Amino acid sequence: MDDNLTDQQRAEQIRVWLGENGWYLLAGLVLGLAALFGWRQWTGYNATHAEEASALYEEMLSAVRIGRTTRAEEIAAQLAKDYASTPYLDQARLAMAKMKLDASRPEDAVKYLEQVVKESDSAEVARIARLRLARVLSQEGKYDDALKVLTDPGDSAFGPRFHEVRGDVYYGMGRLDEARAEYEAALRGDPSAVGDVAFLQAKLAEISGGAAPAPATAAPGGN
């Protein structure tokens, strides 16, 4: 704006500019407020949705604890139908799989674990479900199916655990050389990634006929 204009001239220029562009400003303000309102509505809905899913999940756990199997199954189905976008569905299916195993219903446990593997939005949770699924299949003598589940986990942090479970599968098949190789691979990885190092060493020693090698030491700052 020209510094030589008087205050009255400046005011007149502003009035004219607003007359020509005021609708654009108003429209922008309205759109901005609408977007803000919409975002708050959306985040509020998500928070409420998650709270409802959490409450249902807790109710399902209570049903599991007191043996109300039918009610637990109903809640798991409701979470799948109405709350599939929340992490509570994965946790519910894992809990249901354990309940079915405890009830000596491995075939039902397999179904829940397969749902997590196929449908989970969390790669980490899916890997955990793959490990549990492989163990159940192996216990049922379905060794080939278990090995298909135990393909590359795609995350080095899970590598030792996958090697160990593959070793268990091969051991169940009587393929001791392959079991030994898998146990040794597990011990070469990060020890913190193995649930029970001493137990793993004992399994290796049993099939090796001697002392198992000590696990590798994780590099500083490793995962």
Protein backbone atom coordinates (compact mmCIF):
# COMPACT_ATOMS: atom_id res chain seq x y z
CA MET A 1 0.00 0.00 0.00
CA ASP A 2 1.30 3.50 -0.94
CA ASP A 3 2.78 5.24 2.13
CA ASN A 4 1.69 8.65 0.75
CA LEU A 5 -2.03 7.83 0.98
CA THR A 6 -4.05 9.48 3.73
CA ASP A 7 -5.83 7.42 6.37
CA GLN A 8 -9.13 8.12 4.61
CA GLN A 9 -7.75 6.93 1.27
CA ARG A 10 -6.36 3.78 2.86
CA ALA A 11 -9.71 3.06 4.50
CA GLU A 12 -11.46 3.57 1.15
CA GLN A 13 -9.07 1.11 -0.54
CA ILE A 14 -9.68 -1.48 2.17
CA ARG A 15 -13.45 -1.00 1.84
CA VAL A 16 -13.30 -1.51 -1.91
CA TRP A 17 -11.03 -4.58 -1.58
CA LEU A 18 -13.35 -6.15 0.95
CA GLY A 19 -16.29 -5.46 -1.31
CA GLU A 20 -14.58 -7.34 -4.12
CA ASN A 21 -13.03 -10.18 -2.07
CA GLY A 22 -15.10 -10.43 1.10
CA TRP A 23 -17.09 -13.42 -0.11
CA TYR A 24 -13.87 -15.39 -0.63
CA LEU A 25 -12.79 -14.61 2.93
CA LEU A 26 -16.16 -15.58 4.30
CA ALA A 27 -16.22 -18.81 2.31
CA GLY A 28 -12.73 -19.69 3.52
CA LEU A 29 -13.72 -19.01 7.11
CA VAL A 30 -16.84 -21.15 6.80
CA LEU A 31 -14.88 -24.03 5.23
CA GLY A 32 -12.21 -23.78 7.91
CA LEU A 33 -14.74 -23.89 10.71
CA ALA A 34 -16.55 -26.79 9.05
CA ALA A 35 -13.31 -28.74 8.72
CA LEU A 36 -12.44 -28.07 12.36
CA PHE A 37 -15.90 -29.12 13.51
CA GLY A 38 -15.77 -32.23 11.33
CA TRP A 39 -12.35 -33.21 12.69
CA ARG A 40 -13.52 -32.81 16.27
CA GLN A 41 -16.61 -34.86 15.51
CA TRP A 42 -14.50 -37.58 13.90
CA THR A 43 -11.95 -37.77 16.71
CA GLY A 44 -14.76 -37.77 19.25
CA TYR A 45 -16.46 -40.63 17.41
CA ASN A 46 -13.22 -42.62 17.28
CA ALA A 47 -12.62 -42.13 20.99
CA THR A 48 -16.16 -43.25 21.83
CA HIS A 49 -15.88 -46.19 19.43
CA ALA A 50 -12.64 -47.34 21.07
CA GLU A 51 -14.13 -46.99 24.56
CA GLU A 52 -17.10 -49.14 23.56
CA ALA A 53 -14.76 -51.77 22.08
CA SER A 54 -12.66 -51.72 25.25
CA ALA A 55 -15.71 -52.27 27.43
CA LEU A 56 -16.84 -55.19 25.27
CA TYR A 57 -13.37 -56.71 25.37
CA GLU A 58 -13.26 -56.52 29.15
CA GLU A 59 -16.71 -58.12 29.32
CA MET A 60 -15.48 -60.90 27.04
CA LEU A 61 -12.45 -61.56 29.28
CA SER A 62 -14.76 -61.75 32.29
CA ALA A 63 -16.96 -64.23 30.42
CA VAL A 64 -13.90 -66.33 29.60
CA ARG A 65 -12.74 -66.32 33.23
CA ILE A 66 -16.06 -67.58 34.57
CA GLY A 67 -16.59 -70.09 31.78
CA ARG A 68 -19.42 -68.35 29.91
CA THR A 69 -18.21 -69.66 26.58
CA THR A 70 -21.30 -68.77 24.56
CA ARG A 71 -21.30 -65.17 25.79
CA ALA A 72 -17.58 -64.84 25.05
CA GLU A 73 -18.16 -66.08 21.50
CA GLU A 74 -21.04 -63.63 21.03
CA ILE A 75 -18.89 -60.69 22.10
CA ALA A 76 -16.03 -61.78 19.86
CA ALA A 77 -18.48 -61.88 16.95
CA GLN A 78 -19.80 -58.43 17.86
CA LEU A 79 -16.29 -57.00 17.94
CA ALA A 80 -15.65 -58.46 14.49
CA LYS A 81 -18.89 -56.98 13.16
CA ASP A 82 -18.88 -53.51 14.69
CA TYR A 83 -15.35 -52.81 15.93
CA ALA A 84 -13.03 -54.41 13.39
CA SER A 85 -11.05 -51.17 13.07
CA THR A 86 -9.95 -51.31 16.72
CA PRO A 87 -7.05 -53.38 18.12
CA TYR A 88 -9.44 -55.06 20.54
CA LEU A 89 -10.59 -57.47 17.84
CA ASP A 90 -7.10 -59.00 17.53
CA GLN A 91 -6.75 -59.29 21.29
CA ALA A 92 -10.21 -60.86 21.57
CA ARG A 93 -9.40 -63.46 18.95
CA LEU A 94 -6.10 -64.35 20.64
CA ALA A 95 -7.92 -64.72 23.95
CA MET A 96 -10.59 -66.87 22.33
CA ALA A 97 -7.93 -69.09 20.78
CA LYS A 98 -6.41 -69.69 24.22
CA MET A 99 -9.83 -70.42 25.67
CA LYS A 100 -10.46 -73.02 22.97
CA LEU A 101 -7.09 -74.65 23.59
CA ASP A 102 -7.80 -74.81 27.31
CA ALA A 103 -11.11 -76.49 26.44
CA SER A 104 -9.30 -79.04 24.22
CA ARG A 105 -10.79 -77.53 21.07
CA PRO A 106 -7.67 -76.96 18.96
CA GLU A 107 -9.61 -76.84 15.69
CA ASP A 108 -11.53 -73.80 16.97
CA ALA A 109 -8.32 -72.20 18.24
CA VAL A 110 -6.85 -72.59 14.76
CA LYS A 111 -9.80 -70.69 13.25
CA TYR A 112 -9.34 -67.72 15.57
CA LEU A 113 -5.58 -67.62 15.04
CA GLU A 114 -5.98 -67.82 11.27
CA GLN A 115 -8.33 -64.84 11.41
CA VAL A 116 -5.67 -62.79 13.20
CA VAL A 117 -2.99 -63.86 10.72
CA LYS A 118 -5.14 -62.94 7.72
CA GLU A 119 -6.97 -59.85 8.96
CA SER A 120 -4.84 -58.06 11.56
CA ASP A 121 -3.69 -54.54 10.72
CA SER A 122 -0.68 -55.04 13.00
CA ALA A 123 2.23 -56.93 11.44
CA GLU A 124 3.64 -57.67 14.89
CA VAL A 125 0.38 -59.14 16.20
CA ALA A 126 0.06 -61.21 13.02
CA ARG A 127 3.56 -62.64 13.60
CA ILE A 128 2.66 -63.57 17.18
CA ALA A 129 -0.48 -65.28 15.89
CA ARG A 130 1.60 -67.17 13.30
CA LEU A 131 3.87 -68.53 16.03
CA ARG A 132 0.93 -69.66 18.14
CA LEU A 133 -0.84 -71.13 15.12
CA ALA A 134 2.25 -73.10 14.12
CA ARG A 135 2.55 -74.54 17.62
CA VAL A 136 -1.10 -75.64 17.63
CA LEU A 137 -0.81 -77.22 14.18
CA SER A 138 2.38 -79.00 15.22
CA GLN A 139 0.74 -80.35 18.37
CA GLU A 140 -2.03 -81.71 16.16
CA GLY A 141 0.53 -83.45 13.97
CA LYS A 142 -0.08 -81.10 11.03
CA TYR A 143 3.60 -80.48 10.55
CA ASP A 144 3.55 -79.45 6.91
CA ASP A 145 0.85 -76.87 7.61
CA ALA A 146 2.87 -75.58 10.55
CA LEU A 147 5.97 -75.11 8.37
CA LYS A 148 3.92 -73.17 5.81
CA VAL A 149 2.92 -70.74 8.57
CA LEU A 150 6.56 -70.32 9.64
CA THR A 151 7.89 -68.65 6.52
CA ASP A 152 10.19 -65.63 6.85
CA PRO A 153 8.66 -63.36 9.50
CA GLY A 154 9.93 -60.27 7.71
CA ASP A 155 11.36 -58.86 10.94
CA SER A 156 14.76 -59.86 12.32
CA ALA A 157 13.52 -59.39 15.88
CA PHE A 158 11.19 -62.36 15.36
CA GLY A 159 13.77 -64.48 13.55
CA PRO A 160 15.04 -66.46 16.58
CA ARG A 161 11.52 -67.29 17.72
CA PHE A 162 10.55 -68.53 14.26
CA HIS A 163 13.73 -70.62 14.10
CA GLU A 164 12.95 -72.19 17.48
CA VAL A 165 9.39 -73.10 16.57
CA ARG A 166 10.55 -74.50 13.23
CA GLY A 167 13.03 -76.59 15.23
CA ASP A 168 10.19 -77.89 17.37
CA VAL A 169 8.21 -78.83 14.26
CA TYR A 170 11.15 -80.67 12.72
CA TYR A 171 11.77 -82.42 16.04
CA GLY A 172 8.15 -83.61 16.04
CA MET A 173 8.67 -84.92 12.51
CA GLY A 174 11.78 -86.81 13.58
CA ARG A 175 13.98 -84.69 11.33
CA LEU A 176 16.62 -84.09 13.96
CA ASP A 177 19.34 -82.63 11.74
CA GLU A 178 16.98 -79.91 10.57
CA ALA A 179 15.74 -79.34 14.11
CA ARG A 180 19.33 -78.93 15.30
CA ALA A 181 20.06 -76.42 12.54
CA GLU A 182 17.01 -74.36 13.48
CA TYR A 183 17.86 -74.36 17.20
CA GLU A 184 21.43 -73.31 16.43
CA ALA A 185 20.14 -70.50 14.19
CA ALA A 186 17.87 -69.33 17.00
CA LEU A 187 20.79 -69.20 19.43
CA ARG A 188 22.88 -67.20 16.97
CA GLY A 189 20.27 -64.46 17.01
CA ASP A 190 19.44 -61.93 19.68
CA PRO A 191 19.03 -63.85 22.98
CA SER A 192 16.37 -61.39 24.13
CA ALA A 193 14.20 -62.52 21.21
CA VAL A 194 14.12 -66.09 22.58
CA GLY A 195 11.60 -66.73 25.32
CA ASP A 196 13.67 -69.17 27.37
CA VAL A 197 17.31 -69.49 26.32
CA ALA A 198 18.09 -72.23 28.85
CA PHE A 199 15.20 -74.35 27.63
CA LEU A 200 16.25 -73.84 24.02
CA GLN A 201 19.81 -74.90 24.88
CA ALA A 202 18.44 -77.98 26.65
CA LYS A 203 16.46 -78.99 23.57
CA LEU A 204 19.51 -78.59 21.40
CA ALA A 205 21.68 -80.55 23.81
CA GLU A 206 19.14 -83.37 23.86
CA ILE A 207 19.29 -83.94 20.11
CA SER A 208 23.00 -83.16 19.84
CA GLY A 209 24.08 -85.58 22.54
CA GLY A 210 26.15 -82.95 24.31
CA ALA A 211 26.34 -79.42 25.57
CA ALA A 212 24.61 -76.78 23.44
CA PRO A 213 26.55 -73.72 22.32
CA ALA A 214 26.06 -70.50 24.26
CA PRO A 215 23.71 -67.98 22.66
CA ALA A 216 25.14 -65.05 20.77
CA THR A 217 25.58 -61.77 22.62
CA ALA A 218 23.40 -59.03 21.25
CA ALA A 219 25.23 -56.06 19.82
CA PRO A 220 24.91 -52.83 21.83
CA GLY A 221 21.80 -50.96 20.83
CA GLY A 222 20.37 -53.96 18.96
CA ASN A 223 16.64 -54.69 18.75
